[in-house]
Amino acid sequence: MADIFLKEDVRKHFKGKKVIFLGDSIMRNIYQDFLYLLEKGDLTPHNLLRKKGVQIESFEGDHLLEGTGELTPGRNYREIREYEGSGGAMRDFMFATYCFLTKCYSRELEDFILRFKRKHGSPDLIIILSALWDINRWGPDGIPNYIKNCKKFLSLIRSTFPPTTQLIWLTSPPISVDVWGGLVVKGMEFQKRSMRFNVMEGNLMVAQTTAAFGYDVVDLHYWMTHQIHKRMPDGIHWTQDAVRLQLNIILTHFCLARKLALPGRWGGARNRPLESAEKIAKAADGGPVEIVREEDEGKRKKNMDDEGSEEPLAKKRKLGEGRPEERKFWEGEGYSRFEERRNEGEVKSFNDGMSAKERRQQRWSDE
């Protein structure tokens, strides 16, 4: 699941780096905890995690951009923060910026991305978490637009920055049955009953779409499902140690993706969740595979309870190894066409004839 990172680890890996944080208040807490770990090395105090905008114009050396952070309710709230170091030995240590989102793509966000490129070049890392506002605060078209905006955002990143820019999409952590705060509109409380299910469906959609574009996904929803006792009373936000856990999960993925040595501070004889994360990273490097039946007569598994019936064993093989039509596709001109369609998120499966895009959206369209 996660290793344990200290101040010296973060300083070693992020010195001179440029990082963009995009998302809602959950992402703001992760951004704040990242800066607090970088500067102080301790857990971020609860009273600081609760503040936003003009309530905290400077946090651990960052600053609130002029014209943003005014505490206005609703979808028009804007908050952009920038960090370059707190001074002294940390002056110009790295560049990090946070932009509050109420939907994962907008003209304002596009302007923010293009302005970043003009001023700072290409970032080393982009982390985004956007779901709750997209799904619940943009009316009846919120979910269909979320699907479209996810693809628009990923297309924008791919066309703006080189492949060396790493993007990690975080799935939204689980929310409570009963939530309250700025996310819930008066008179629309009935939405709370379905909100957590929509979040799960939204997480599935963005995970599949992001992977289809060739970017990274970190499933915070899965890992934080085991930590719901550390959720705050509003049903959305998390305690200081839970936020640090989320940050450690992200940093672990960052190191595994870049083949950087982990700190190794998890303790105990074995860290099975971390081993699982390492296996997933290794499998991702190996490329896509499919499960096929082993037809070799000598490798069949006999079912003695069913009058001699036989069940072929299953094995994994890489796509393109096996059937002649697949080899011809991967080795010939079909591969270039595959690349074009993959870039559009419309790669077809050899098995069901349904495009990846159609499979991603099928669950949503059936609702």
Foldseek 3Di string as FASTA:
>chain_A
DFDADAQVRLLVVAFAFEEEFEEALQSVLLVLQSLCRNQPRDFDDPVVSPDWAPSDQDRNAKGWDPPARDPDFDQPHWTKIWHQANDDPGHNRYIYMYIYHLALDDPVVLVVVVVCCVVPNAGQEYEYEYDLSQQQPPPPCSVVVNLVSLLVNLLSNPVRHDPSRAYEYEQAAAFDLAADDSSDDPPRRVVSNCRRVSSVLSSLLSCLQCVLQVHHYDYNNVVCVVVQVQADPRRGHGDRVVSSVVSRSVVLLVCLLVVHDDPPRPDDPDDVVSVVVNVVSVVVVVADKDKDFDPPPVQWDFDPVPPGDIGTDIDIDHFLPDDPVRVCLCVDPNVVVQVVCSNVQFHADPPPRHTSSCVSCVVVVVD
